[in-house]
Amino acid sequence: TEIVIELERLAPGKKLLLEDIKFSEDASDFLPISMPALKRLLDFLALNESVRIEIQGHVNDPGNKNPKLSMTLSENRAKAVKKWLKDNGIDESRLNAVGYGATQMIYEKPKNAWEEEANRRVTIMIIE
């Protein structure tokens, strides 16, 4: 039996959601569950040495009650991913970290914990 998996080719502008990168509440500290996803991203970047990425941090803040805090937290989370990659051998010039706060929430009015969690995410966008 042969299993064929077709993957969409990565190109500038393409985004990849890193669902398993999780942080402590209201902090930029990684939860232990994040390590496998971080290591997969590290492996991807190590194998694709010409790829540059933008690390995009997002938070859950329905109604954008505290936009300054949300922006700072999302930026700190993106920077935490960047620092981890840099500390593990990826050239910093290949990494850009940006926080989007609650400006791109998947669920504007989350109804449950799952939707809130989906809003708290890290996305990787291929720059080149």
N, C-alpha and C. Protein backbone atom coordinates (compact mmCIF):
# COMPACT_ATOMS: atom_id res chain seq x y z
N THR A 1 0.84 -1.17 0.00
CA THR A 1 0.00 0.00 0.00
C THR A 1 0.88 1.23 0.00
N GLU A 2 0.53 2.17 -0.84
CA GLU A 2 1.27 3.42 -0.94
C GLU A 2 0.37 4.56 -0.52
N ILE A 3 0.88 5.39 0.34
CA ILE A 3 0.13 6.57 0.78
C ILE A 3 0.82 7.79 0.21
N VAL A 4 0.08 8.59 -0.51
CA VAL A 4 0.62 9.80 -1.11
C VAL A 4 0.00 10.99 -0.40
N ILE A 5 0.87 11.86 0.10
CA ILE A 5 0.42 13.07 0.76
C ILE A 5 0.91 14.24 -0.06
N GLU A 6 -0.02 15.07 -0.50
CA GLU A 6 0.36 16.24 -1.27
C GLU A 6 0.30 17.45 -0.34
N LEU A 7 1.39 18.18 -0.32
CA LEU A 7 1.47 19.38 0.50
C LEU A 7 1.54 20.59 -0.40
N GLU A 8 0.93 21.66 0.05
CA GLU A 8 1.00 22.90 -0.71
C GLU A 8 2.43 23.45 -0.62
N ARG A 9 2.96 23.86 -1.76
CA ARG A 9 4.32 24.37 -1.80
C ARG A 9 4.38 25.70 -1.03
N LEU A 10 5.39 25.82 -0.19
CA LEU A 10 5.58 27.06 0.55
C LEU A 10 6.16 28.11 -0.39
N ALA A 11 5.67 29.31 -0.26
CA ALA A 11 6.12 30.42 -1.09
C ALA A 11 5.92 31.70 -0.30
N PRO A 12 6.59 32.78 -0.70
CA PRO A 12 6.40 34.04 0.01
C PRO A 12 4.92 34.40 0.13
N GLY A 13 4.55 34.82 1.34
CA GLY A 13 3.17 35.18 1.61
C GLY A 13 2.33 34.05 2.19
N LYS A 14 2.80 32.82 2.08
CA LYS A 14 2.06 31.68 2.64
C LYS A 14 2.21 31.67 4.15
N LYS A 15 1.12 31.26 4.83
CA LYS A 15 1.14 31.22 6.29
C LYS A 15 0.94 29.81 6.78
N LEU A 16 1.53 29.54 7.94
CA LEU A 16 1.42 28.25 8.60
C LEU A 16 1.07 28.50 10.06
N LEU A 17 -0.03 27.93 10.51
CA LEU A 17 -0.44 28.05 11.90
C LEU A 17 0.29 27.01 12.73
N LEU A 18 0.93 27.44 13.80
CA LEU A 18 1.62 26.53 14.71
C LEU A 18 0.73 26.34 15.93
N GLU A 19 -0.22 25.41 15.80
CA GLU A 19 -1.25 25.21 16.83
C GLU A 19 -0.70 24.80 18.18
N ASP A 20 0.40 24.08 18.20
CA ASP A 20 0.87 23.54 19.47
C ASP A 20 1.87 24.42 20.21
N ILE A 21 2.06 25.63 19.76
CA ILE A 21 2.90 26.55 20.53
C ILE A 21 1.97 27.28 21.50
N LYS A 22 2.13 26.96 22.77
CA LYS A 22 1.26 27.48 23.82
C LYS A 22 2.08 28.22 24.86
N PHE A 23 1.44 29.19 25.48
CA PHE A 23 2.11 30.04 26.47
C PHE A 23 1.36 30.03 27.79
N SER A 24 2.06 30.37 28.85
CA SER A 24 1.42 30.58 30.14
C SER A 24 0.45 31.75 29.99
N GLU A 25 -0.59 31.74 30.80
CA GLU A 25 -1.61 32.77 30.71
C GLU A 25 -1.01 34.16 30.94
N ASP A 26 -1.33 35.10 30.06
CA ASP A 26 -0.87 36.49 30.14
C ASP A 26 0.65 36.61 30.23
N ALA A 27 1.37 35.66 29.59
CA ALA A 27 2.83 35.67 29.64
C ALA A 27 3.38 35.16 28.31
N SER A 28 4.68 35.31 28.16
CA SER A 28 5.34 34.82 26.95
C SER A 28 6.22 33.60 27.24
N ASP A 29 5.95 32.94 28.36
CA ASP A 29 6.68 31.71 28.73
C ASP A 29 6.02 30.53 28.04
N PHE A 30 6.83 29.68 27.39
CA PHE A 30 6.29 28.50 26.71
C PHE A 30 5.79 27.47 27.71
N LEU A 31 4.69 26.83 27.38
CA LEU A 31 4.26 25.65 28.12
C LEU A 31 5.03 24.46 27.54
N PRO A 32 5.27 23.42 28.33
CA PRO A 32 6.04 22.27 27.86
C PRO A 32 5.50 21.64 26.56
N ILE A 33 4.20 21.71 26.34
CA ILE A 33 3.60 21.13 25.14
C ILE A 33 4.14 21.79 23.86
N SER A 34 4.74 22.95 23.99
CA SER A 34 5.24 23.71 22.83
C SER A 34 6.52 23.14 22.22
N MET A 35 7.28 22.40 22.99
CA MET A 35 8.61 21.97 22.52
C MET A 35 8.61 21.17 21.22
N PRO A 36 7.73 20.20 21.03
CA PRO A 36 7.75 19.47 19.75
C PRO A 36 7.49 20.38 18.54
N ALA A 37 6.56 21.32 18.67
CA ALA A 37 6.25 22.23 17.56
C ALA A 37 7.43 23.17 17.29
N LEU A 38 8.06 23.65 18.35
CA LEU A 38 9.23 24.51 18.18
C LEU A 38 10.37 23.74 17.50
N LYS A 39 10.56 22.50 17.90
CA LYS A 39 11.62 21.68 17.29
C LYS A 39 11.32 21.39 15.82
N ARG A 40 10.04 21.18 15.47
CA ARG A 40 9.69 20.98 14.05
C ARG A 40 9.98 22.23 13.24
N LEU A 41 9.66 23.40 13.80
CA LEU A 41 9.96 24.66 13.11
C LEU A 41 11.46 24.84 12.96
N LEU A 42 12.21 24.52 14.00
CA LEU A 42 13.67 24.59 13.95
C LEU A 42 14.21 23.68 12.86
N ASP A 43 13.72 22.45 12.80
CA ASP A 43 14.16 21.50 11.76
C ASP A 43 13.84 22.02 10.37
N PHE A 44 12.64 22.56 10.20
CA PHE A 44 12.24 23.11 8.90
C PHE A 44 13.21 24.21 8.46
N LEU A 45 13.52 25.13 9.38
CA LEU A 45 14.41 26.23 9.04
C LEU A 45 15.84 25.75 8.80
N ALA A 46 16.27 24.74 9.54
CA ALA A 46 17.62 24.20 9.35
C ALA A 46 17.74 23.52 7.98
N LEU A 47 16.68 22.86 7.53
CA LEU A 47 16.69 22.18 6.23
C LEU A 47 16.48 23.13 5.05
N ASN A 48 15.90 24.27 5.32
CA ASN A 48 15.59 25.26 4.27
C ASN A 48 16.32 26.56 4.59
N GLU A 49 17.62 26.54 4.37
CA GLU A 49 18.49 27.64 4.83
C GLU A 49 18.24 28.99 4.18
N SER A 50 17.53 29.02 3.05
CA SER A 50 17.29 30.30 2.38
C SER A 50 15.96 30.92 2.79
N VAL A 51 15.16 30.20 3.57
CA VAL A 51 13.84 30.69 3.96
C VAL A 51 13.97 31.73 5.07
N ARG A 52 13.24 32.84 4.88
CA ARG A 52 13.09 33.85 5.92
C ARG A 52 11.63 33.86 6.34
N ILE A 53 11.38 34.04 7.64
CA ILE A 53 10.00 33.99 8.12
C ILE A 53 9.65 35.20 8.98
N GLU A 54 8.36 35.45 9.02
CA GLU A 54 7.81 36.41 9.98
C GLU A 54 7.03 35.60 10.99
N ILE A 55 7.35 35.77 12.25
CA ILE A 55 6.67 35.08 13.35
C ILE A 55 5.60 36.05 13.84
N GLN A 56 4.34 35.63 13.73
CA GLN A 56 3.22 36.50 14.06
C GLN A 56 2.53 36.02 15.33
N GLY A 57 2.48 36.89 16.33
CA GLY A 57 1.82 36.56 17.59
C GLY A 57 0.42 37.15 17.62
N HIS A 58 -0.53 36.38 18.16
CA HIS A 58 -1.94 36.80 18.27
C HIS A 58 -2.44 36.46 19.66
N VAL A 59 -3.39 37.23 20.17
CA VAL A 59 -3.96 36.98 21.50
C VAL A 59 -5.48 36.97 21.43
N ASN A 60 -6.09 36.49 22.50
CA ASN A 60 -7.54 36.49 22.64
C ASN A 60 -7.93 37.67 23.53
N ASP A 61 -8.57 38.66 22.96
CA ASP A 61 -9.03 39.82 23.72
C ASP A 61 -10.32 40.32 23.07
N PRO A 62 -11.43 39.61 23.30
CA PRO A 62 -12.70 40.01 22.67
C PRO A 62 -13.05 41.46 22.98
N GLY A 63 -13.46 42.16 21.96
CA GLY A 63 -13.79 43.57 22.13
C GLY A 63 -12.57 44.45 22.25
N ASN A 64 -11.38 43.84 22.17
CA ASN A 64 -10.11 44.57 22.25
C ASN A 64 -10.14 45.54 23.43
N LYS A 65 -10.44 44.99 24.62
CA LYS A 65 -10.60 45.79 25.84
C LYS A 65 -9.32 46.49 26.26
N ASN A 66 -8.19 45.87 25.99
CA ASN A 66 -6.90 46.45 26.38
C ASN A 66 -5.92 46.32 25.21
N PRO A 67 -6.10 47.14 24.17
CA PRO A 67 -5.29 46.98 22.95
C PRO A 67 -3.79 47.12 23.16
N LYS A 68 -3.36 48.00 24.04
CA LYS A 68 -1.93 48.17 24.26
C LYS A 68 -1.33 46.92 24.89
N LEU A 69 -2.01 46.38 25.91
CA LEU A 69 -1.54 45.17 26.57
C LEU A 69 -1.56 43.99 25.61
N SER A 70 -2.62 43.88 24.81
CA SER A 70 -2.73 42.79 23.83
C SER A 70 -1.60 42.85 22.81
N MET A 71 -1.32 44.04 22.32
CA MET A 71 -0.26 44.21 21.33
C MET A 71 1.10 43.84 21.93
N THR A 72 1.36 44.30 23.15
CA THR A 72 2.63 44.00 23.81
C THR A 72 2.78 42.51 24.06
N LEU A 73 1.72 41.87 24.55
CA LEU A 73 1.77 40.43 24.83
C LEU A 73 2.00 39.63 23.55
N SER A 74 1.29 39.97 22.48
CA SER A 74 1.45 39.23 21.23
C SER A 74 2.85 39.42 20.65
N GLU A 75 3.38 40.62 20.78
CA GLU A 75 4.74 40.89 20.30
C GLU A 75 5.77 40.12 21.14
N ASN A 76 5.58 40.09 22.45
CA ASN A 76 6.51 39.36 23.33
C ASN A 76 6.48 37.87 23.03
N ARG A 77 5.31 37.33 22.71
CA ARG A 77 5.22 35.91 22.36
C ARG A 77 5.93 35.62 21.04
N ALA A 78 5.75 36.49 20.05
CA ALA A 78 6.46 36.30 18.77
C ALA A 78 7.97 36.41 18.99
N LYS A 79 8.38 37.35 19.83
CA LYS A 79 9.81 37.51 20.13
C LYS A 79 10.36 36.30 20.88
N ALA A 80 9.54 35.67 21.72
CA ALA A 80 9.98 34.48 22.45
C ALA A 80 10.29 33.34 21.48
N VAL A 81 9.45 33.18 20.45
CA VAL A 81 9.70 32.16 19.43
C VAL A 81 10.98 32.49 18.68
N LYS A 82 11.12 33.76 18.31
CA LYS A 82 12.33 34.20 17.59
C LYS A 82 13.58 33.92 18.43
N LYS A 83 13.54 34.27 19.71
CA LYS A 83 14.70 34.06 20.58
C LYS A 83 15.02 32.58 20.70
N TRP A 84 13.99 31.76 20.84
CA TRP A 84 14.23 30.32 20.97
C TRP A 84 14.91 29.77 19.71
N LEU A 85 14.43 30.20 18.55
CA LEU A 85 15.04 29.75 17.29
C LEU A 85 16.48 30.24 17.18
N LYS A 86 16.71 31.51 17.53
CA LYS A 86 18.06 32.08 17.48
C LYS A 86 18.98 31.34 18.45
N ASP A 87 18.51 31.10 19.66
CA ASP A 87 19.31 30.39 20.67
C ASP A 87 19.64 28.96 20.24
N ASN A 88 18.86 28.43 19.30
CA ASN A 88 19.07 27.06 18.83
C ASN A 88 19.69 27.02 17.43
N GLY A 89 20.35 28.12 17.04
CA GLY A 89 21.18 28.09 15.85
C GLY A 89 20.66 28.72 14.58
N ILE A 90 19.47 29.29 14.60
CA ILE A 90 18.96 29.94 13.38
C ILE A 90 19.42 31.39 13.36
N ASP A 91 19.97 31.80 12.22
CA ASP A 91 20.47 33.17 12.06
C ASP A 91 19.33 34.17 12.25
N GLU A 92 19.55 35.12 13.11
CA GLU A 92 18.52 36.12 13.44
C GLU A 92 18.05 36.91 12.22
N SER A 93 18.91 37.06 11.22
CA SER A 93 18.53 37.82 10.02
C SER A 93 17.42 37.13 9.23
N ARG A 94 17.15 35.86 9.52
CA ARG A 94 16.09 35.12 8.84
C ARG A 94 14.76 35.20 9.56
N LEU A 95 14.74 35.89 10.71
CA LEU A 95 13.57 35.88 11.58
C LEU A 95 13.07 37.30 11.85
N ASN A 96 11.79 37.50 11.68
CA ASN A 96 11.16 38.78 12.00
C ASN A 96 9.98 38.47 12.92
N ALA A 97 9.86 39.17 14.04
CA ALA A 97 8.78 38.93 14.99
C ALA A 97 7.84 40.12 15.03
N VAL A 98 6.54 39.83 14.90
CA VAL A 98 5.52 40.89 14.89
C VAL A 98 4.35 40.48 15.77
N GLY A 99 3.85 41.41 16.54
CA GLY A 99 2.65 41.16 17.34
C GLY A 99 1.46 41.84 16.71
N TYR A 100 0.36 41.11 16.61
CA TYR A 100 -0.86 41.65 16.03
C TYR A 100 -1.95 41.87 17.07
N GLY A 101 -1.64 41.62 18.33
CA GLY A 101 -2.63 41.82 19.37
C GLY A 101 -3.88 41.01 19.10
N ALA A 102 -5.04 41.67 19.23
CA ALA A 102 -6.32 41.02 18.97
C ALA A 102 -6.93 41.52 17.66
N THR A 103 -6.09 42.01 16.76
CA THR A 103 -6.60 42.60 15.51
C THR A 103 -6.99 41.57 14.46
N GLN A 104 -6.56 40.31 14.64
CA GLN A 104 -6.88 39.27 13.65
C GLN A 104 -7.41 38.02 14.34
N MET A 105 -8.33 38.21 15.27
CA MET A 105 -8.88 37.06 15.99
C MET A 105 -9.71 36.19 15.03
N ILE A 106 -9.61 34.89 15.19
CA ILE A 106 -10.39 33.96 14.38
C ILE A 106 -11.85 34.02 14.82
N TYR A 107 -12.07 34.11 16.13
CA TYR A 107 -13.41 34.20 16.70
C TYR A 107 -13.53 35.53 17.43
N GLU A 108 -14.24 36.48 16.82
CA GLU A 108 -14.39 37.82 17.41
C GLU A 108 -15.10 37.76 18.76
N LYS A 109 -16.08 36.85 18.89
CA LYS A 109 -16.82 36.69 20.14
C LYS A 109 -16.76 35.21 20.53
N PRO A 110 -15.63 34.79 21.10
CA PRO A 110 -15.50 33.37 21.43
C PRO A 110 -16.57 32.91 22.42
N LYS A 111 -17.12 31.72 22.14
CA LYS A 111 -18.21 31.19 22.96
C LYS A 111 -17.75 30.10 23.92
N ASN A 112 -16.51 29.64 23.76
CA ASN A 112 -16.02 28.56 24.63
C ASN A 112 -14.49 28.63 24.70
N ALA A 113 -13.93 27.79 25.56
CA ALA A 113 -12.48 27.80 25.77
C ALA A 113 -11.73 27.42 24.50
N TRP A 114 -12.30 26.54 23.69
CA TRP A 114 -11.64 26.12 22.45
C TRP A 114 -11.47 27.32 21.50
N GLU A 115 -12.51 28.14 21.36
CA GLU A 115 -12.43 29.32 20.50
C GLU A 115 -11.45 30.35 21.06
N GLU A 116 -11.44 30.51 22.37
CA GLU A 116 -10.47 31.43 22.98
C GLU A 116 -9.05 30.96 22.69
N GLU A 117 -8.83 29.65 22.82
CA GLU A 117 -7.51 29.07 22.55
C GLU A 117 -7.11 29.26 21.10
N ALA A 118 -8.06 29.14 20.19
CA ALA A 118 -7.78 29.32 18.76
C ALA A 118 -7.33 30.75 18.46
N ASN A 119 -7.84 31.70 19.23
CA ASN A 119 -7.43 33.10 19.04
C ASN A 119 -6.00 33.34 19.51
N ARG A 120 -5.56 32.58 20.51
CA ARG A 120 -4.20 32.68 21.03
C ARG A 120 -3.33 31.78 20.18
N ARG A 121 -2.55 32.37 19.29
CA ARG A 121 -1.80 31.52 18.37
C ARG A 121 -0.55 32.20 17.87
N VAL A 122 0.29 31.39 17.28
CA VAL A 122 1.48 31.87 16.57
C VAL A 122 1.35 31.39 15.13
N THR A 123 1.53 32.31 14.21
CA THR A 123 1.49 32.00 12.80
C THR A 123 2.86 32.33 12.21
N ILE A 124 3.29 31.52 11.26
CA ILE A 124 4.54 31.77 10.55
C ILE A 124 4.18 32.13 9.12
N MET A 125 4.74 33.23 8.64
CA MET A 125 4.54 33.60 7.25
C MET A 125 5.91 33.57 6.55
N ILE A 126 5.95 32.93 5.41
CA ILE A 126 7.18 32.88 4.63
C ILE A 126 7.40 34.26 4.00
N ILE A 127 8.57 34.84 4.24
CA ILE A 127 8.91 36.14 3.65
C ILE A 127 9.61 35.92 2.31
N GLU A 128 10.58 35.01 2.30
CA GLU A 128 11.28 34.66 1.06
C GLU A 128 11.96 33.33 1.19
